[in-house]
Amino acid sequence: MHGERRRIYDLFVLNIALQLFDAVATYQGLTIGVKEANPLLVNAFHWLGVGPTLLLFKAKACGLLFLLSRSWQHRLVVPVLSFLAWVYVSFSLLPWLTKFSLLFVTIIRA
């Protein structure tokens, strides 16, 4: 794989991993009583249930990431994949890691 295509592939894999992390963290967070902040998900939870909703939303996100990564010739693919990774690190990975770390510290101190 050449430089630009390899970079797109790496960003695609990173974004898929962030989607999977977000799904698992959201599911686990809900089981311990953390409230979901996304109103679209909260509404869909009532209609479809938590598991099917997360599966549906994450499948859609992964499918769109796949389509985006297949457009490797376009000059905006790398910036868009980079931006999406930054968004999920900032608004999913770091907040969930913080919540779970605080929970862990609380359990250890008890």
Protein backbone atom coordinates (compact mmCIF):
# COMPACT_ATOMS: atom_id res chain seq x y z
CA MET A 1 0.00 0.00 0.00
CA HIS A 2 1.32 3.42 -0.92
CA GLY A 3 1.60 6.41 1.43
CA GLU A 4 -1.75 8.18 1.00
CA ARG A 5 -3.78 4.97 0.70
CA ARG A 6 -2.03 3.55 3.77
CA ARG A 7 -2.84 6.71 5.73
CA ILE A 8 -6.50 6.47 4.71
CA TYR A 9 -6.55 2.79 5.70
CA ASP A 10 -5.00 3.57 9.09
CA LEU A 11 -7.50 6.39 9.71
CA PHE A 12 -10.35 4.09 8.64
CA VAL A 13 -9.24 1.38 11.10
CA LEU A 14 -8.83 3.98 13.86
CA ASN A 15 -12.35 5.31 13.23
CA ILE A 16 -13.84 1.80 13.23
CA ALA A 17 -12.07 1.07 16.54
CA LEU A 18 -13.44 4.32 18.00
CA GLN A 19 -16.96 3.37 16.85
CA LEU A 20 -16.65 -0.04 18.50
CA PHE A 21 -15.28 1.52 21.69
CA ASP A 22 -18.15 4.02 21.75
CA ALA A 23 -20.75 1.27 21.33
CA VAL A 24 -19.31 -0.92 24.09
CA ALA A 25 -18.68 2.02 26.43
CA THR A 26 -22.18 3.36 25.88
CA TYR A 27 -23.73 -0.03 26.55
CA GLN A 28 -21.64 -0.56 29.68
CA GLY A 29 -22.22 3.00 30.84
CA LEU A 30 -25.97 2.59 30.52
CA THR A 31 -25.84 -0.62 32.56
CA ILE A 32 -24.19 1.25 35.45
CA GLY A 33 -26.63 4.16 35.31
CA VAL A 34 -24.85 6.76 33.18
CA LYS A 35 -27.32 8.74 31.07
CA GLU A 36 -26.89 8.95 27.29
CA ALA A 37 -26.37 12.54 26.11
CA ASN A 38 -27.39 12.02 22.47
CA PRO A 39 -31.14 12.72 22.19
CA LEU A 40 -31.42 10.74 18.95
CA LEU A 41 -30.09 7.63 20.67
CA VAL A 42 -32.24 8.17 23.77
CA ASN A 43 -35.35 8.37 21.60
CA ALA A 44 -34.35 5.31 19.57
CA PHE A 45 -33.65 3.35 22.79
CA HIS A 46 -37.34 3.67 23.65
CA TRP A 47 -38.45 2.36 20.25
CA LEU A 48 -35.88 -0.36 19.53
CA GLY A 49 -34.06 -1.08 22.78
CA VAL A 50 -30.46 -0.31 23.67
CA GLY A 51 -28.67 -3.19 21.93
CA PRO A 52 -30.46 -2.97 18.56
CA THR A 53 -30.20 0.83 18.55
CA LEU A 54 -26.45 0.79 19.16
CA LEU A 55 -26.00 -1.93 16.56
CA LEU A 56 -28.02 -0.01 13.98
CA PHE A 57 -26.37 3.37 14.60
CA LYS A 58 -22.85 1.94 14.68
CA ALA A 59 -23.43 -0.19 11.57
CA LYS A 60 -24.57 2.96 9.76
CA ALA A 61 -21.52 4.89 10.96
CA CYS A 62 -19.13 2.09 9.96
CA GLY A 63 -20.80 1.78 6.57
CA LEU A 64 -20.40 5.49 5.94
CA LEU A 65 -16.76 5.33 7.06
CA PHE A 66 -16.22 2.48 4.60
CA LEU A 67 -17.76 4.46 1.73
CA LEU A 68 -15.68 7.48 2.65
CA SER A 69 -12.47 5.46 2.77
CA ARG A 70 -13.23 3.98 -0.67
CA SER A 71 -13.13 7.52 -2.10
CA TRP A 72 -9.39 7.64 -1.45
CA GLN A 73 -8.71 9.75 -4.56
CA HIS A 74 -10.60 12.74 -3.16
CA ARG A 75 -8.40 15.29 -1.41
CA LEU A 76 -10.81 15.73 1.53
CA VAL A 77 -10.86 12.09 2.66
CA VAL A 78 -7.82 12.35 4.96
CA PRO A 79 -8.95 15.61 6.62
CA VAL A 80 -12.51 14.29 7.11
CA LEU A 81 -11.36 10.95 8.57
CA SER A 82 -8.91 12.83 10.81
CA PHE A 83 -11.62 15.20 11.98
CA LEU A 84 -14.03 12.34 12.72
CA ALA A 85 -11.36 10.55 14.75
CA TRP A 86 -10.70 13.77 16.69
CA VAL A 87 -14.43 14.17 17.38
CA TYR A 88 -14.77 10.62 18.73
CA VAL A 89 -11.61 10.88 20.81
CA SER A 90 -12.81 14.20 22.26
CA PHE A 91 -16.49 13.41 22.79
CA SER A 92 -16.45 9.66 23.41
CA LEU A 93 -13.09 8.13 24.28
CA LEU A 94 -11.87 10.77 26.74
CA PRO A 95 -15.24 11.30 28.51
CA TRP A 96 -15.89 7.55 28.86
CA LEU A 97 -12.35 6.86 30.05
CA THR A 98 -12.73 9.65 32.60
CA LYS A 99 -16.07 8.27 33.85
CA PHE A 100 -14.81 4.71 34.07
CA SER A 101 -11.55 5.82 35.74
CA LEU A 102 -13.45 7.78 38.38
CA LEU A 103 -15.72 4.80 38.96
CA PHE A 104 -12.68 2.55 39.29
CA VAL A 105 -11.06 4.90 41.81
CA THR A 106 -14.31 5.05 43.79
CA ILE A 107 -14.50 1.25 43.90
CA ILE A 108 -10.84 0.92 44.94
CA ARG A 109 -11.28 3.43 47.78
CA ALA A 110 -14.43 1.72 49.09
